[in-house]
């Protein structure tokens, strides 16, 4: 049986879509984030993540020490793609 591979960027796109989906649960997002982080690290393609815009304070409320809204959801994230 032939082996099938996927592009790392496709994996990141799929994960980012799932992590931003309306109606997803923090537990589900945490599971996806853990799996994707592990796969990216194993592939030497982990470049970090950033929180979704919804987790940031409006620009006029941000300070030098705090840019995230109170009680932000750390499972609302977007993985950074590998630049080819």
N, C-alpha and C. Protein backbone atom coordinates (compact mmCIF):
# COMPACT_ATOMS: atom_id res chain seq x y z
N UNK A 1 0.84 -1.17 0.00
CA UNK A 1 0.00 0.00 0.00
C UNK A 1 0.89 1.24 0.00
N UNK A 2 0.66 2.17 -0.92
CA UNK A 2 1.50 3.37 -0.99
C UNK A 2 1.26 4.27 0.23
N UNK A 3 2.31 4.97 0.61
CA UNK A 3 2.21 5.91 1.72
C UNK A 3 1.69 7.25 1.22
N UNK A 4 0.93 7.91 2.02
CA UNK A 4 0.41 9.23 1.67
C UNK A 4 0.98 10.24 2.66
N UNK A 5 1.44 11.33 2.15
CA UNK A 5 1.93 12.41 3.00
C UNK A 5 1.11 13.65 2.75
N UNK A 6 1.15 14.57 3.70
CA UNK A 6 0.48 15.85 3.51
C UNK A 6 1.51 16.95 3.70
N UNK A 7 1.21 18.09 3.15
CA UNK A 7 2.09 19.23 3.35
C UNK A 7 1.86 19.82 4.73
N UNK A 8 2.91 20.24 5.38
CA UNK A 8 2.81 20.82 6.71
C UNK A 8 1.90 22.04 6.69
N UNK A 9 1.98 22.83 5.64
CA UNK A 9 1.14 24.03 5.57
C UNK A 9 -0.34 23.66 5.51
N UNK A 10 -0.68 22.53 4.88
CA UNK A 10 -2.07 22.08 4.86
C UNK A 10 -2.52 21.66 6.26
N UNK A 11 -1.64 21.02 7.00
CA UNK A 11 -1.95 20.64 8.38
C UNK A 11 -2.20 21.88 9.23
N UNK A 12 -1.36 22.88 9.09
CA UNK A 12 -1.52 24.11 9.86
C UNK A 12 -2.81 24.81 9.48
N UNK A 13 -3.13 24.87 8.18
CA UNK A 13 -4.38 25.49 7.74
C UNK A 13 -5.59 24.78 8.34
N UNK A 14 -5.57 23.45 8.33
CA UNK A 14 -6.69 22.68 8.88
C UNK A 14 -6.83 22.92 10.38
N UNK A 15 -5.71 22.90 11.09
CA UNK A 15 -5.74 23.13 12.53
C UNK A 15 -6.24 24.53 12.85
N UNK A 16 -5.77 25.53 12.13
CA UNK A 16 -6.20 26.90 12.37
C UNK A 16 -7.70 27.06 12.14
N UNK A 17 -8.23 26.38 11.14
CA UNK A 17 -9.67 26.43 10.87
C UNK A 17 -10.44 25.83 12.03
N UNK A 18 -9.99 24.69 12.52
CA UNK A 18 -10.65 24.03 13.65
C UNK A 18 -10.57 24.90 14.91
N UNK A 19 -9.41 25.47 15.17
CA UNK A 19 -9.22 26.27 16.38
C UNK A 19 -10.03 27.56 16.39
N UNK A 20 -10.39 28.06 15.21
CA UNK A 20 -11.17 29.29 15.12
C UNK A 20 -12.67 29.04 14.93
N UNK A 21 -13.07 27.78 14.82
CA UNK A 21 -14.46 27.44 14.51
C UNK A 21 -15.41 27.89 15.61
N UNK A 22 -16.53 28.45 15.19
CA UNK A 22 -17.60 28.80 16.13
C UNK A 22 -18.17 27.50 16.70
N UNK A 23 -18.50 27.52 17.97
CA UNK A 23 -19.12 26.36 18.58
C UNK A 23 -18.15 25.29 19.05
N UNK A 24 -16.86 25.48 18.81
CA UNK A 24 -15.89 24.50 19.30
C UNK A 24 -15.72 24.69 20.80
N UNK A 25 -15.27 23.65 21.46
CA UNK A 25 -15.11 23.72 22.92
C UNK A 25 -13.65 23.92 23.29
N UNK A 26 -13.39 24.50 24.45
CA UNK A 26 -11.99 24.65 24.88
C UNK A 26 -11.27 23.30 24.97
N UNK A 27 -11.97 22.27 25.39
CA UNK A 27 -11.35 20.94 25.49
C UNK A 27 -10.96 20.42 24.12
N UNK A 28 -11.85 20.58 23.15
CA UNK A 28 -11.55 20.14 21.78
C UNK A 28 -10.40 20.92 21.18
N UNK A 29 -10.40 22.24 21.41
CA UNK A 29 -9.32 23.07 20.88
C UNK A 29 -7.99 22.71 21.54
N UNK A 30 -8.01 22.41 22.84
CA UNK A 30 -6.78 22.03 23.53
C UNK A 30 -6.23 20.72 22.96
N UNK A 31 -7.11 19.79 22.64
CA UNK A 31 -6.66 18.51 22.06
C UNK A 31 -6.05 18.72 20.68
N UNK A 32 -6.68 19.54 19.86
CA UNK A 32 -6.15 19.83 18.53
C UNK A 32 -4.80 20.54 18.66
N UNK A 33 -4.72 21.51 19.55
CA UNK A 33 -3.47 22.26 19.73
C UNK A 33 -2.34 21.35 20.18
N UNK A 34 -2.63 20.45 21.09
CA UNK A 34 -1.60 19.52 21.56
C UNK A 34 -1.11 18.62 20.42
N UNK A 35 -2.04 18.05 19.68
CA UNK A 35 -1.68 17.17 18.57
C UNK A 35 -0.87 17.92 17.51
N UNK A 36 -1.34 19.09 17.12
CA UNK A 36 -0.66 19.85 16.07
C UNK A 36 0.72 20.31 16.53
N UNK A 37 0.83 20.76 17.76
CA UNK A 37 2.15 21.16 18.28
C UNK A 37 3.12 19.99 18.21
N UNK A 38 2.66 18.83 18.64
CA UNK A 38 3.52 17.64 18.62
C UNK A 38 3.94 17.27 17.20
N UNK A 39 2.98 17.25 16.27
CA UNK A 39 3.31 16.90 14.89
C UNK A 39 4.27 17.92 14.27
N UNK A 40 4.04 19.19 14.53
CA UNK A 40 4.93 20.22 13.99
C UNK A 40 6.33 20.10 14.58
N UNK A 41 6.42 19.82 15.85
CA UNK A 41 7.75 19.66 16.46
C UNK A 41 8.45 18.43 15.90
N UNK A 42 7.72 17.34 15.75
CA UNK A 42 8.32 16.13 15.18
C UNK A 42 8.81 16.36 13.76
N UNK A 43 8.12 17.22 13.03
CA UNK A 43 8.50 17.53 11.65
C UNK A 43 9.51 18.67 11.57
N UNK A 44 9.97 19.17 12.73
CA UNK A 44 10.88 20.32 12.79
C UNK A 44 10.30 21.52 12.05
N UNK A 45 8.98 21.71 12.21
CA UNK A 45 8.29 22.78 11.51
C UNK A 45 7.51 23.69 12.47
N UNK A 46 7.75 23.56 13.77
CA UNK A 46 7.03 24.39 14.73
C UNK A 46 7.61 25.79 14.72
N UNK A 47 6.75 26.79 14.49
CA UNK A 47 7.19 28.18 14.46
C UNK A 47 6.43 29.04 15.45
N UNK A 48 5.69 28.38 16.36
CA UNK A 48 4.96 29.11 17.38
C UNK A 48 3.52 29.38 16.99
N UNK A 49 2.85 30.13 17.86
CA UNK A 49 1.46 30.48 17.62
C UNK A 49 1.20 31.87 18.14
N UNK A 50 0.06 32.40 17.77
CA UNK A 50 -0.42 33.67 18.31
C UNK A 50 -1.88 33.48 18.68
N UNK A 51 -2.36 34.26 19.61
CA UNK A 51 -3.76 34.17 19.97
C UNK A 51 -4.62 34.82 18.89
N UNK A 52 -5.86 34.37 18.80
CA UNK A 52 -6.79 34.96 17.83
C UNK A 52 -7.10 36.39 18.23
N UNK A 53 -7.49 37.19 17.27
CA UNK A 53 -7.79 38.61 17.53
C UNK A 53 -8.82 38.78 18.63
N UNK A 54 -9.76 37.84 18.73
CA UNK A 54 -10.82 37.94 19.74
C UNK A 54 -10.27 37.94 21.17
N UNK A 55 -9.06 37.48 21.36
CA UNK A 55 -8.48 37.39 22.70
C UNK A 55 -7.69 38.64 23.11
N UNK A 56 -7.54 39.58 22.19
CA UNK A 56 -6.79 40.80 22.49
C UNK A 56 -7.74 41.93 22.89
N UNK A 57 -7.25 42.78 23.76
CA UNK A 57 -7.98 43.99 24.12
C UNK A 57 -8.01 44.94 22.92
N UNK A 58 -9.02 45.83 22.84
CA UNK A 58 -8.97 46.87 21.82
C UNK A 58 -7.68 47.68 21.98
N UNK A 59 -7.17 48.20 20.90
CA UNK A 59 -5.87 48.89 20.91
C UNK A 59 -5.82 50.00 21.96
N UNK A 60 -6.91 50.73 22.14
CA UNK A 60 -6.88 51.85 23.11
C UNK A 60 -6.87 51.38 24.56
N UNK A 61 -7.11 50.09 24.81
CA UNK A 61 -7.08 49.56 26.17
C UNK A 61 -5.82 48.77 26.48
N UNK A 62 -4.99 48.55 25.48
CA UNK A 62 -3.76 47.78 25.69
C UNK A 62 -2.72 48.64 26.40
N UNK A 63 -1.91 47.97 27.23
CA UNK A 63 -0.84 48.66 27.94
C UNK A 63 0.48 47.97 27.62
N UNK A 64 1.56 48.52 28.12
CA UNK A 64 2.87 47.90 27.90
C UNK A 64 2.96 46.52 28.53
N UNK A 65 2.17 46.28 29.57
CA UNK A 65 2.25 45.00 30.28
C UNK A 65 1.08 44.07 30.00
N UNK A 66 0.03 44.54 29.32
CA UNK A 66 -1.12 43.68 29.07
C UNK A 66 -1.81 44.02 27.75
N UNK A 67 -1.88 43.03 26.89
CA UNK A 67 -2.59 43.21 25.61
C UNK A 67 -3.75 42.24 25.47
N UNK A 68 -3.85 41.26 26.38
CA UNK A 68 -4.92 40.27 26.29
C UNK A 68 -6.09 40.64 27.19
N UNK A 69 -7.29 40.30 26.76
CA UNK A 69 -8.48 40.60 27.55
C UNK A 69 -8.48 39.77 28.83
N UNK A 70 -9.14 40.24 29.87
CA UNK A 70 -9.21 39.45 31.10
C UNK A 70 -9.89 38.10 30.80
N UNK A 71 -9.41 37.08 31.42
CA UNK A 71 -9.97 35.73 31.26
C UNK A 71 -9.93 35.26 29.80
N UNK A 72 -8.89 35.64 29.07
CA UNK A 72 -8.77 35.20 27.68
C UNK A 72 -8.72 33.68 27.62
N UNK A 73 -9.08 33.14 26.48
CA UNK A 73 -9.11 31.69 26.28
C UNK A 73 -7.85 31.29 25.53
N UNK A 74 -6.91 30.66 26.23
CA UNK A 74 -5.63 30.36 25.60
C UNK A 74 -5.71 29.23 24.57
N UNK A 75 -6.90 28.64 24.38
CA UNK A 75 -7.05 27.66 23.30
C UNK A 75 -7.48 28.32 22.00
N UNK A 76 -7.79 29.60 22.06
CA UNK A 76 -8.12 30.35 20.83
C UNK A 76 -6.81 30.85 20.25
N UNK A 77 -6.21 30.03 19.40
CA UNK A 77 -4.89 30.37 18.86
C UNK A 77 -4.80 30.06 17.38
N UNK A 78 -3.75 30.57 16.77
CA UNK A 78 -3.47 30.34 15.36
C UNK A 78 -1.99 30.00 15.24
N UNK A 79 -1.71 28.87 14.61
CA UNK A 79 -0.32 28.45 14.44
C UNK A 79 0.31 29.19 13.27
N UNK A 80 1.59 29.48 13.41
CA UNK A 80 2.35 30.19 12.39
C UNK A 80 2.90 29.17 11.41
N UNK A 81 2.71 29.44 10.12
CA UNK A 81 3.16 28.52 9.08
C UNK A 81 4.65 28.62 8.83
N UNK A 82 5.20 27.52 8.39
CA UNK A 82 6.59 27.48 7.95
C UNK A 82 6.69 28.26 6.66
N UNK A 83 7.66 29.13 6.56
CA UNK A 83 7.88 29.89 5.33
C UNK A 83 8.83 29.09 4.45
N UNK A 84 8.37 28.79 3.25
CA UNK A 84 9.20 27.98 2.33
C UNK A 84 10.23 28.84 1.63
